[in-house]
Amino acid sequence: MAVPVVTALRARGSGHVAIDLDGQEWRVVPLEAVYTTGLTVGRRLDRVAARGLRRELRRLEALREARRALRARDHTGASLERRLTARGTAPAARREAVEAMLRAGFVDDQRFASGRAELLARRGAGDLFIADDLERQGVPAAAVEAAVAALDPEPTRVAAVVEARGRSARTARYLAAMGFSEAALEPLVAELTTDA
């Protein structure tokens, strides 16, 4: 079986190239894949070149999927990797895409942790709830601790919730369900107990 030869490379749309093999249009691929794999007119597309092109196409698709995921919302390195896994991205391409997003600063676990912790705190969550949420998102323990430590103290946040919801057993149960520590709730519970 003869090894096909690249007979033409023609621009197709923005950033894409049509590849002709032995005078027949074969496929349209991103320009970057052609450049990276060194495809030129006259080059034989043997197994090595075909595998290199396939690998490059998987890498580019993983990067495209990572960018798409990051346009929708912020991710940690771990949550982005889970997203790419769920999309069926090959392991090597997935790792490379996540590393590229980390290097470029598009993924930053500490930034994610700080922003997510502040958002949850504004929504009335306590430190335990916030720490658990961040851990489930794949944030490393040190970043979780730093993000929680940067928040207003829990007693201050408890006072704000009590101000908004009223001083009642129902509010105390709500705060406990939202992950506030016993120490932060103790003054409210003690006050409610003495009022009863």
N, C-alpha and C. Protein backbone atom coordinates (compact mmCIF):
# COMPACT_ATOMS: atom_id res chain seq x y z
N MET A 1 0.85 -1.18 0.00
CA MET A 1 0.00 0.00 0.00
C MET A 1 0.89 1.24 0.00
N ALA A 2 0.64 2.14 -0.92
CA ALA A 2 1.46 3.34 -1.06
C ALA A 2 1.14 4.34 0.04
N VAL A 3 2.17 4.99 0.52
CA VAL A 3 1.99 6.03 1.54
C VAL A 3 1.52 7.30 0.83
N PRO A 4 0.38 7.89 1.29
CA PRO A 4 -0.12 9.09 0.62
C PRO A 4 0.82 10.28 0.79
N VAL A 5 0.75 11.17 -0.20
CA VAL A 5 1.59 12.36 -0.21
C VAL A 5 0.70 13.59 -0.12
N VAL A 6 1.12 14.58 0.68
CA VAL A 6 0.40 15.85 0.77
C VAL A 6 0.62 16.58 -0.55
N THR A 7 -0.47 16.80 -1.31
CA THR A 7 -0.34 17.46 -2.62
C THR A 7 -0.80 18.91 -2.59
N ALA A 8 -1.54 19.31 -1.55
CA ALA A 8 -1.96 20.72 -1.45
C ALA A 8 -2.35 21.04 -0.02
N LEU A 9 -2.08 22.28 0.35
CA LEU A 9 -2.54 22.85 1.63
C LEU A 9 -3.21 24.16 1.27
N ARG A 10 -4.52 24.25 1.51
CA ARG A 10 -5.26 25.45 1.11
C ARG A 10 -5.98 26.05 2.32
N ALA A 11 -5.91 27.38 2.42
CA ALA A 11 -6.59 28.08 3.51
C ALA A 11 -8.09 27.82 3.42
N ARG A 12 -8.69 27.55 4.56
CA ARG A 12 -10.14 27.32 4.64
C ARG A 12 -10.68 28.04 5.86
N GLY A 13 -11.31 29.14 5.64
CA GLY A 13 -11.86 29.88 6.77
C GLY A 13 -10.76 30.42 7.66
N SER A 14 -11.16 30.91 8.77
CA SER A 14 -10.23 31.52 9.71
C SER A 14 -9.45 30.46 10.48
N GLY A 15 -8.16 30.40 10.22
CA GLY A 15 -7.28 29.52 10.99
C GLY A 15 -7.38 28.04 10.65
N HIS A 16 -7.91 27.68 9.49
CA HIS A 16 -8.02 26.28 9.11
C HIS A 16 -7.38 26.05 7.75
N VAL A 17 -6.97 24.81 7.51
CA VAL A 17 -6.30 24.44 6.27
C VAL A 17 -6.91 23.14 5.76
N ALA A 18 -7.21 23.12 4.46
CA ALA A 18 -7.66 21.88 3.81
C ALA A 18 -6.41 21.14 3.33
N ILE A 19 -6.33 19.87 3.67
CA ILE A 19 -5.18 19.04 3.27
C ILE A 19 -5.64 18.12 2.14
N ASP A 20 -4.91 18.16 1.04
CA ASP A 20 -5.15 17.22 -0.06
C ASP A 20 -4.09 16.14 0.00
N LEU A 21 -4.54 14.90 -0.10
CA LEU A 21 -3.62 13.76 -0.20
C LEU A 21 -3.79 13.15 -1.58
N ASP A 22 -2.69 13.00 -2.30
CA ASP A 22 -2.71 12.40 -3.65
C ASP A 22 -3.77 13.04 -4.54
N GLY A 23 -3.90 14.37 -4.43
CA GLY A 23 -4.81 15.11 -5.30
C GLY A 23 -6.26 15.14 -4.86
N GLN A 24 -6.60 14.51 -3.75
CA GLN A 24 -7.98 14.48 -3.23
C GLN A 24 -8.03 15.21 -1.89
N GLU A 25 -9.09 16.02 -1.70
CA GLU A 25 -9.22 16.69 -0.40
C GLU A 25 -9.43 15.61 0.66
N TRP A 26 -8.62 15.69 1.69
CA TRP A 26 -8.65 14.67 2.74
C TRP A 26 -9.42 15.17 3.95
N ARG A 27 -8.94 16.26 4.56
CA ARG A 27 -9.65 16.83 5.71
C ARG A 27 -9.22 18.26 5.96
N VAL A 28 -10.03 18.97 6.75
CA VAL A 28 -9.74 20.35 7.13
C VAL A 28 -9.35 20.32 8.60
N VAL A 29 -8.20 20.93 8.89
CA VAL A 29 -7.69 20.92 10.26
C VAL A 29 -7.24 22.34 10.63
N PRO A 30 -7.08 22.59 11.93
CA PRO A 30 -6.56 23.90 12.33
C PRO A 30 -5.14 24.13 11.78
N LEU A 31 -4.87 25.38 11.41
CA LEU A 31 -3.56 25.75 10.89
C LEU A 31 -2.45 25.37 11.87
N GLU A 32 -2.71 25.56 13.15
CA GLU A 32 -1.70 25.24 14.16
C GLU A 32 -1.28 23.78 14.10
N ALA A 33 -2.22 22.88 13.81
CA ALA A 33 -1.89 21.45 13.72
C ALA A 33 -0.96 21.20 12.54
N VAL A 34 -1.22 21.86 11.42
CA VAL A 34 -0.37 21.71 10.23
C VAL A 34 1.03 22.22 10.54
N TYR A 35 1.09 23.39 11.16
CA TYR A 35 2.38 24.00 11.48
C TYR A 35 3.16 23.15 12.48
N THR A 36 2.50 22.76 13.56
CA THR A 36 3.18 22.01 14.63
C THR A 36 3.71 20.67 14.16
N THR A 37 2.95 19.99 13.31
CA THR A 37 3.38 18.67 12.85
C THR A 37 4.29 18.74 11.63
N GLY A 38 4.50 19.94 11.08
CA GLY A 38 5.41 20.12 9.97
C GLY A 38 4.91 19.57 8.64
N LEU A 39 3.60 19.56 8.46
CA LEU A 39 3.06 19.10 7.18
C LEU A 39 3.37 20.12 6.10
N THR A 40 3.91 19.66 5.00
CA THR A 40 4.20 20.52 3.86
C THR A 40 3.82 19.77 2.59
N VAL A 41 3.63 20.52 1.53
CA VAL A 41 3.34 19.89 0.24
C VAL A 41 4.55 19.03 -0.15
N GLY A 42 4.27 17.81 -0.56
CA GLY A 42 5.32 16.88 -0.94
C GLY A 42 5.69 15.90 0.17
N ARG A 43 5.28 16.17 1.40
CA ARG A 43 5.60 15.27 2.51
C ARG A 43 4.68 14.06 2.48
N ARG A 44 5.26 12.92 2.76
CA ARG A 44 4.47 11.70 2.84
C ARG A 44 3.77 11.66 4.21
N LEU A 45 2.52 11.27 4.20
CA LEU A 45 1.76 11.14 5.45
C LEU A 45 1.84 9.68 5.90
N ASP A 46 3.03 9.31 6.40
CA ASP A 46 3.23 7.95 6.88
C ASP A 46 2.62 7.81 8.28
N ARG A 47 2.78 6.65 8.87
CA ARG A 47 2.17 6.39 10.19
C ARG A 47 2.66 7.38 11.24
N VAL A 48 3.94 7.66 11.23
CA VAL A 48 4.51 8.58 12.23
C VAL A 48 3.88 9.97 12.08
N ALA A 49 3.81 10.47 10.85
CA ALA A 49 3.23 11.79 10.62
C ALA A 49 1.74 11.80 10.95
N ALA A 50 1.02 10.72 10.59
CA ALA A 50 -0.42 10.64 10.88
C ALA A 50 -0.67 10.61 12.38
N ARG A 51 0.15 9.85 13.11
CA ARG A 51 0.00 9.80 14.58
C ARG A 51 0.30 11.17 15.20
N GLY A 52 1.34 11.82 14.70
CA GLY A 52 1.67 13.16 15.20
C GLY A 52 0.53 14.14 14.97
N LEU A 53 -0.07 14.08 13.78
CA LEU A 53 -1.21 14.95 13.48
C LEU A 53 -2.40 14.62 14.38
N ARG A 54 -2.68 13.35 14.56
CA ARG A 54 -3.80 12.94 15.43
C ARG A 54 -3.57 13.42 16.87
N ARG A 55 -2.34 13.26 17.36
CA ARG A 55 -2.00 13.71 18.71
C ARG A 55 -2.18 15.22 18.85
N GLU A 56 -1.74 15.95 17.82
CA GLU A 56 -1.87 17.41 17.84
C GLU A 56 -3.34 17.83 17.78
N LEU A 57 -4.14 17.14 17.01
CA LEU A 57 -5.57 17.45 16.94
C LEU A 57 -6.25 17.20 18.28
N ARG A 58 -5.86 16.13 18.97
CA ARG A 58 -6.42 15.87 20.32
C ARG A 58 -6.01 16.96 21.29
N ARG A 59 -4.75 17.40 21.21
CA ARG A 59 -4.25 18.46 22.09
C ARG A 59 -5.03 19.76 21.85
N LEU A 60 -5.21 20.11 20.59
CA LEU A 60 -5.94 21.34 20.27
C LEU A 60 -7.40 21.26 20.70
N GLU A 61 -8.01 20.10 20.54
CA GLU A 61 -9.41 19.93 20.98
C GLU A 61 -9.52 20.05 22.50
N ALA A 62 -8.54 19.51 23.23
CA ALA A 62 -8.53 19.62 24.69
C ALA A 62 -8.40 21.08 25.10
N LEU A 63 -7.53 21.83 24.44
CA LEU A 63 -7.38 23.25 24.74
C LEU A 63 -8.66 24.02 24.43
N ARG A 64 -9.29 23.68 23.32
CA ARG A 64 -10.54 24.34 22.94
C ARG A 64 -11.63 24.06 23.98
N GLU A 65 -11.71 22.82 24.43
CA GLU A 65 -12.72 22.44 25.44
C GLU A 65 -12.41 23.12 26.77
N ALA A 66 -11.14 23.24 27.13
CA ALA A 66 -10.76 23.92 28.38
C ALA A 66 -11.15 25.40 28.31
N ARG A 67 -10.88 26.05 27.19
CA ARG A 67 -11.27 27.46 27.04
C ARG A 67 -12.78 27.62 27.11
N ARG A 68 -13.50 26.70 26.48
CA ARG A 68 -14.97 26.74 26.51
C ARG A 68 -15.48 26.61 27.96
N ALA A 69 -14.89 25.71 28.70
CA ALA A 69 -15.28 25.50 30.10
C ALA A 69 -15.01 26.75 30.93
N LEU A 70 -13.87 27.39 30.68
CA LEU A 70 -13.49 28.57 31.46
C LEU A 70 -14.30 29.81 31.07
N ARG A 71 -14.86 29.82 29.87
CA ARG A 71 -15.75 30.92 29.50
C ARG A 71 -17.06 30.82 30.29
N ALA A 72 -17.48 29.61 30.59
CA ALA A 72 -18.73 29.41 31.31
C ALA A 72 -18.60 29.77 32.78
N ARG A 73 -17.47 29.41 33.40
CA ARG A 73 -17.25 29.72 34.82
C ARG A 73 -15.80 29.48 35.16
N ASP A 74 -15.40 29.99 36.32
CA ASP A 74 -14.04 29.78 36.81
C ASP A 74 -13.91 28.34 37.27
N HIS A 75 -12.72 27.77 37.15
CA HIS A 75 -12.46 26.39 37.55
C HIS A 75 -11.17 26.32 38.35
N THR A 76 -11.07 25.28 39.16
CA THR A 76 -9.78 24.90 39.74
C THR A 76 -9.12 23.97 38.74
N GLY A 77 -7.85 23.68 38.96
CA GLY A 77 -7.18 22.71 38.10
C GLY A 77 -7.88 21.36 38.14
N ALA A 78 -8.29 20.94 39.35
CA ALA A 78 -8.96 19.64 39.51
C ALA A 78 -10.33 19.63 38.85
N SER A 79 -11.11 20.70 39.00
CA SER A 79 -12.45 20.69 38.41
C SER A 79 -12.38 20.78 36.89
N LEU A 80 -11.37 21.48 36.36
CA LEU A 80 -11.20 21.53 34.92
C LEU A 80 -10.81 20.15 34.39
N GLU A 81 -9.94 19.48 35.12
CA GLU A 81 -9.55 18.13 34.70
C GLU A 81 -10.75 17.19 34.73
N ARG A 82 -11.60 17.30 35.75
CA ARG A 82 -12.82 16.47 35.80
C ARG A 82 -13.72 16.78 34.60
N ARG A 83 -13.85 18.06 34.26
CA ARG A 83 -14.70 18.46 33.13
C ARG A 83 -14.18 17.85 31.83
N LEU A 84 -12.87 17.92 31.63
CA LEU A 84 -12.29 17.37 30.41
C LEU A 84 -12.40 15.84 30.37
N THR A 85 -12.27 15.21 31.53
CA THR A 85 -12.45 13.76 31.61
C THR A 85 -13.87 13.38 31.21
N ALA A 86 -14.84 14.14 31.72
CA ALA A 86 -16.25 13.87 31.40
C ALA A 86 -16.52 14.05 29.91
N ARG A 87 -15.76 14.90 29.25
CA ARG A 87 -15.93 15.13 27.81
C ARG A 87 -15.17 14.11 26.96
N GLY A 88 -14.49 13.16 27.64
CA GLY A 88 -13.79 12.11 26.91
C GLY A 88 -12.44 12.50 26.36
N THR A 89 -11.83 13.53 26.92
CA THR A 89 -10.52 13.99 26.46
C THR A 89 -9.46 12.96 26.84
N ALA A 90 -8.56 12.68 25.91
CA ALA A 90 -7.47 11.73 26.17
C ALA A 90 -6.62 12.22 27.34
N PRO A 91 -6.13 11.30 28.19
CA PRO A 91 -5.38 11.70 29.39
C PRO A 91 -4.20 12.64 29.13
N ALA A 92 -3.37 12.34 28.15
CA ALA A 92 -2.19 13.18 27.90
C ALA A 92 -2.62 14.58 27.45
N ALA A 93 -3.60 14.65 26.56
CA ALA A 93 -4.09 15.95 26.08
C ALA A 93 -4.77 16.72 27.22
N ARG A 94 -5.47 16.00 28.06
CA ARG A 94 -6.15 16.63 29.21
C ARG A 94 -5.13 17.26 30.15
N ARG A 95 -4.11 16.49 30.52
CA ARG A 95 -3.08 17.02 31.43
C ARG A 95 -2.40 18.24 30.82
N GLU A 96 -2.07 18.15 29.54
CA GLU A 96 -1.40 19.26 28.87
C GLU A 96 -2.28 20.50 28.83
N ALA A 97 -3.57 20.31 28.58
CA ALA A 97 -4.49 21.46 28.53
C ALA A 97 -4.60 22.13 29.89
N VAL A 98 -4.73 21.33 30.94
CA VAL A 98 -4.84 21.90 32.30
C VAL A 98 -3.56 22.64 32.66
N GLU A 99 -2.41 22.03 32.36
CA GLU A 99 -1.13 22.69 32.64
C GLU A 99 -0.99 23.99 31.87
N ALA A 100 -1.44 24.00 30.62
CA ALA A 100 -1.37 25.23 29.81
C ALA A 100 -2.25 26.32 30.41
N MET A 101 -3.44 25.96 30.89
CA MET A 101 -4.33 26.95 31.50
C MET A 101 -3.76 27.46 32.82
N LEU A 102 -3.09 26.60 33.56
CA LEU A 102 -2.43 27.03 34.81
C LEU A 102 -1.28 27.99 34.50
N ARG A 103 -0.44 27.62 33.53
CA ARG A 103 0.71 28.47 33.17
C ARG A 103 0.25 29.84 32.68
N ALA A 104 -0.84 29.86 31.92
CA ALA A 104 -1.33 31.12 31.35
C ALA A 104 -2.07 31.97 32.39
N GLY A 105 -2.35 31.39 33.56
CA GLY A 105 -3.06 32.13 34.60
C GLY A 105 -4.57 32.11 34.45
N PHE A 106 -5.09 31.33 33.49
CA PHE A 106 -6.54 31.22 33.33
C PHE A 106 -7.15 30.39 34.45
N VAL A 107 -6.34 29.50 35.01
CA VAL A 107 -6.75 28.69 36.16
C VAL A 107 -5.81 29.03 37.29
N ASP A 108 -6.40 29.42 38.42
CA ASP A 108 -5.61 29.79 39.60
C ASP A 108 -6.42 29.33 40.81
N ASP A 109 -5.97 28.28 41.46
CA ASP A 109 -6.74 27.70 42.57
C ASP A 109 -6.94 28.70 43.71
N GLN A 110 -5.94 29.51 44.01
CA GLN A 110 -6.07 30.48 45.11
C GLN A 110 -7.09 31.56 44.75
N ARG A 111 -7.03 32.06 43.53
CA ARG A 111 -8.00 33.07 43.09
C ARG A 111 -9.41 32.49 43.12
N PHE A 112 -9.55 31.26 42.63
CA PHE A 112 -10.85 30.59 42.64
C PHE A 112 -11.36 30.48 44.08
N ALA A 113 -10.48 30.00 44.98
CA ALA A 113 -10.87 29.79 46.38
C ALA A 113 -11.31 31.10 47.03
N SER A 114 -10.57 32.16 46.82
CA SER A 114 -10.92 33.45 47.41
C SER A 114 -12.26 33.97 46.90
N GLY A 115 -12.43 33.92 45.59
CA GLY A 115 -13.68 34.40 45.00
C GLY A 115 -14.88 33.57 45.43
N ARG A 116 -14.72 32.27 45.42
CA ARG A 116 -15.83 31.37 45.79
C ARG A 116 -16.16 31.53 47.28
N ALA A 117 -15.14 31.65 48.13
CA ALA A 117 -15.37 31.82 49.57
C ALA A 117 -16.12 33.12 49.84
N GLU A 118 -15.73 34.20 49.19
CA GLU A 118 -16.42 35.48 49.37
C GLU A 118 -17.88 35.40 48.91
N LEU A 119 -18.10 34.76 47.78
CA LEU A 119 -19.46 34.60 47.26
C LEU A 119 -20.33 33.82 48.24
N LEU A 120 -19.82 32.70 48.72
CA LEU A 120 -20.60 31.89 49.65
C LEU A 120 -20.83 32.61 50.97
N ALA A 121 -19.84 33.35 51.43
CA ALA A 121 -20.00 34.11 52.68
C ALA A 121 -21.08 35.17 52.51
N ARG A 122 -21.12 35.85 51.37
CA ARG A 122 -22.18 36.85 51.11
C ARG A 122 -23.55 36.20 51.08
N ARG A 123 -23.59 34.95 50.68
CA ARG A 123 -24.87 34.23 50.63
C ARG A 123 -25.25 33.62 51.97
N GLY A 124 -24.45 33.87 52.98
CA GLY A 124 -24.80 33.42 54.33
C GLY A 124 -24.18 32.11 54.76
N ALA A 125 -23.14 31.65 54.11
CA ALA A 125 -22.51 30.38 54.48
C ALA A 125 -21.45 30.58 55.56
N GLY A 126 -21.33 29.57 56.41
CA GLY A 126 -20.31 29.56 57.45
C GLY A 126 -19.03 28.94 56.96
N ASP A 127 -18.00 29.01 57.79
CA ASP A 127 -16.68 28.53 57.41
C ASP A 127 -16.66 27.04 57.07
N LEU A 128 -17.40 26.22 57.82
CA LEU A 128 -17.41 24.78 57.56
C LEU A 128 -18.02 24.47 56.20
N PHE A 129 -19.12 25.14 55.88
CA PHE A 129 -19.78 24.96 54.58
C PHE A 129 -18.83 25.39 53.46
N ILE A 130 -18.21 26.54 53.63
CA ILE A 130 -17.31 27.09 52.60
C ILE A 130 -16.12 26.16 52.39
N ALA A 131 -15.50 25.72 53.48
CA ALA A 131 -14.34 24.83 53.36
C ALA A 131 -14.72 23.53 52.66
N ASP A 132 -15.87 22.99 53.01
CA ASP A 132 -16.33 21.74 52.37
C ASP A 132 -16.56 21.96 50.87
N ASP A 133 -17.21 23.06 50.53
CA ASP A 133 -17.47 23.36 49.12
C ASP A 133 -16.16 23.48 48.35
N LEU A 134 -15.20 24.20 48.89
CA LEU A 134 -13.93 24.40 48.20
C LEU A 134 -13.18 23.07 48.03
N GLU A 135 -13.22 22.24 49.04
CA GLU A 135 -12.57 20.93 48.94
C GLU A 135 -13.21 20.09 47.85
N ARG A 136 -14.54 20.13 47.73
CA ARG A 136 -15.24 19.38 46.69
C ARG A 136 -14.91 19.92 45.30
N GLN A 137 -14.55 21.19 45.22
CA GLN A 137 -14.17 21.80 43.94
C GLN A 137 -12.73 21.46 43.57
N GLY A 138 -12.00 20.80 44.48
CA GLY A 138 -10.62 20.41 44.19
C GLY A 138 -9.58 21.42 44.61
N VAL A 139 -9.95 22.35 45.48
CA VAL A 139 -8.99 23.36 45.95
C VAL A 139 -8.06 22.71 46.98
N PRO A 140 -6.75 22.90 46.84
CA PRO A 140 -5.80 22.34 47.81
C PRO A 140 -6.06 22.90 49.23
N ALA A 141 -5.73 22.11 50.23
CA ALA A 141 -6.02 22.45 51.63
C ALA A 141 -5.45 23.82 52.02
N ALA A 142 -4.23 24.12 51.61
CA ALA A 142 -3.62 25.40 52.00
C ALA A 142 -4.41 26.58 51.42
N ALA A 143 -4.90 26.44 50.19
CA ALA A 143 -5.68 27.52 49.57
C ALA A 143 -7.04 27.65 50.24
N VAL A 144 -7.61 26.52 50.68
CA VAL A 144 -8.89 26.56 51.42
C VAL A 144 -8.69 27.35 52.71
N GLU A 145 -7.66 27.00 53.45
CA GLU A 145 -7.40 27.68 54.73
C GLU A 145 -7.19 29.18 54.53
N ALA A 146 -6.41 29.55 53.52
CA ALA A 146 -6.14 30.97 53.27
C ALA A 146 -7.41 31.71 52.89
N ALA A 147 -8.25 31.10 52.07
CA ALA A 147 -9.49 31.75 51.63
C ALA A 147 -10.45 31.95 52.79
N VAL A 148 -10.58 30.95 53.64
CA VAL A 148 -11.49 31.06 54.79
C VAL A 148 -10.94 32.07 55.79
N ALA A 149 -9.63 32.08 55.99
CA ALA A 149 -9.01 33.02 56.94
C ALA A 149 -9.18 34.48 56.49
N ALA A 150 -9.30 34.71 55.19
CA ALA A 150 -9.43 36.08 54.68
C ALA A 150 -10.84 36.65 54.83
N LEU A 151 -11.81 35.81 55.18
CA LEU A 151 -13.19 36.27 55.33
C LEU A 151 -13.38 37.03 56.64
N ASP A 152 -14.48 37.80 56.71
CA ASP A 152 -14.85 38.40 57.99
C ASP A 152 -15.04 37.28 58.99
N PRO A 153 -14.76 37.54 60.27
CA PRO A 153 -14.93 36.49 61.28
C PRO A 153 -16.39 35.99 61.31
N GLU A 154 -16.54 34.74 61.64
CA GLU A 154 -17.88 34.15 61.68
C GLU A 154 -18.84 34.90 62.61
N PRO A 155 -18.42 35.33 63.80
CA PRO A 155 -19.38 36.06 64.65
C PRO A 155 -19.95 37.31 63.97
N THR A 156 -19.13 37.99 63.18
CA THR A 156 -19.60 39.17 62.46
C THR A 156 -20.65 38.77 61.43
N ARG A 157 -20.40 37.68 60.72
CA ARG A 157 -21.34 37.20 59.71
C ARG A 157 -22.61 36.66 60.35
N VAL A 158 -22.48 36.02 61.52
CA VAL A 158 -23.67 35.54 62.26
C VAL A 158 -24.54 36.74 62.63
N ALA A 159 -23.92 37.80 63.12
CA ALA A 159 -24.68 38.99 63.52
C ALA A 159 -25.44 39.57 62.33
N ALA A 160 -24.82 39.58 61.15
CA ALA A 160 -25.50 40.11 59.96
C ALA A 160 -26.70 39.25 59.58
N VAL A 161 -26.57 37.94 59.68
CA VAL A 161 -27.69 37.05 59.35
C VAL A 161 -28.80 37.21 60.38
N VAL A 162 -28.44 37.31 61.66
CA VAL A 162 -29.45 37.49 62.71
C VAL A 162 -30.18 38.82 62.50
N GLU A 163 -29.45 39.84 62.12
CA GLU A 163 -30.07 41.14 61.84
C GLU A 163 -31.09 41.03 60.72
N ALA A 164 -30.75 40.27 59.68
CA ALA A 164 -31.65 40.15 58.52
C ALA A 164 -32.81 39.19 58.78
N ARG A 165 -32.58 38.12 59.50
CA ARG A 165 -33.60 37.07 59.67
C ARG A 165 -34.34 37.13 61.00
N GLY A 166 -33.77 37.83 61.94
CA GLY A 166 -34.37 37.88 63.27
C GLY A 166 -33.72 36.90 64.22
N ARG A 167 -33.84 37.22 65.51
CA ARG A 167 -33.23 36.42 66.57
C ARG A 167 -34.24 35.34 66.99
N SER A 168 -34.04 34.11 66.48
CA SER A 168 -34.98 33.04 66.79
C SER A 168 -34.28 31.69 66.70
N ALA A 169 -34.96 30.68 67.22
CA ALA A 169 -34.43 29.31 67.12
C ALA A 169 -34.34 28.90 65.65
N ARG A 170 -35.27 29.37 64.86
CA ARG A 170 -35.26 29.06 63.43
C ARG A 170 -33.99 29.62 62.77
N THR A 171 -33.61 30.82 63.13
CA THR A 171 -32.39 31.42 62.59
C THR A 171 -31.17 30.64 63.05
N ALA A 172 -31.16 30.21 64.30
CA ALA A 172 -30.04 29.42 64.83
C ALA A 172 -29.92 28.10 64.05
N ARG A 173 -31.04 27.45 63.77
CA ARG A 173 -31.01 26.21 62.99
C ARG A 173 -30.50 26.48 61.56
N TYR A 174 -30.95 27.57 60.99
CA TYR A 174 -30.51 27.96 59.65
C TYR A 174 -28.99 28.16 59.64
N LEU A 175 -28.48 28.89 60.61
CA LEU A 175 -27.04 29.15 60.67
C LEU A 175 -26.25 27.85 60.86
N ALA A 176 -26.77 26.95 61.67
CA ALA A 176 -26.10 25.66 61.87
C ALA A 176 -26.08 24.88 60.56
N ALA A 177 -27.20 24.90 59.84
CA ALA A 177 -27.28 24.20 58.55
C ALA A 177 -26.36 24.82 57.51
N MET A 178 -26.09 26.11 57.64
CA MET A 178 -25.22 26.81 56.69
C MET A 178 -23.75 26.69 57.05
N GLY A 179 -23.42 25.85 58.03
CA GLY A 179 -22.02 25.52 58.30
C GLY A 179 -21.29 26.46 59.23
N PHE A 180 -22.01 27.20 60.07
CA PHE A 180 -21.33 28.03 61.07
C PHE A 180 -20.90 27.16 62.23
N SER A 181 -19.77 27.48 62.81
CA SER A 181 -19.23 26.67 63.90
C SER A 181 -20.05 26.86 65.18
N GLU A 182 -19.93 25.89 66.06
CA GLU A 182 -20.62 25.98 67.36
C GLU A 182 -20.17 27.21 68.12
N ALA A 183 -18.87 27.52 68.04
CA ALA A 183 -18.34 28.68 68.76
C ALA A 183 -19.00 29.97 68.27
N ALA A 184 -19.25 30.09 66.98
CA ALA A 184 -19.87 31.29 66.44
C ALA A 184 -21.34 31.38 66.82
N LEU A 185 -21.98 30.22 66.99
CA LEU A 185 -23.41 30.19 67.31
C LEU A 185 -23.69 30.22 68.80
N GLU A 186 -22.69 29.95 69.60
CA GLU A 186 -22.87 29.84 71.05
C GLU A 186 -23.55 31.05 71.68
N PRO A 187 -23.13 32.29 71.38
CA PRO A 187 -23.80 33.44 72.00
C PRO A 187 -25.29 33.52 71.65
N LEU A 188 -25.64 33.24 70.41
CA LEU A 188 -27.04 33.28 69.99
C LEU A 188 -27.84 32.19 70.69
N VAL A 189 -27.30 31.00 70.74
CA VAL A 189 -28.00 29.87 71.39
C VAL A 189 -28.16 30.15 72.88
N ALA A 190 -27.10 30.69 73.51
CA ALA A 190 -27.17 31.00 74.94
C ALA A 190 -28.23 32.06 75.21
N GLU A 191 -28.32 33.07 74.36
CA GLU A 191 -29.32 34.12 74.51
C GLU A 191 -30.72 33.57 74.33
N LEU A 192 -30.90 32.71 73.35
CA LEU A 192 -32.21 32.12 73.13
C LEU A 192 -32.61 31.19 74.26
N THR A 193 -31.64 30.51 74.86
CA THR A 193 -31.91 29.60 75.96
C THR A 193 -32.33 30.38 77.20
N THR A 194 -31.68 31.51 77.48
CA THR A 194 -32.04 32.30 78.66
C THR A 194 -33.38 33.01 78.46
N ASP A 195 -33.76 33.31 77.20
CA ASP A 195 -35.04 33.95 76.93
C ASP A 195 -36.20 32.98 77.06
N ALA A 196 -35.90 31.67 76.90
CA ALA A 196 -36.98 30.67 76.90
C ALA A 196 -37.53 30.41 78.28
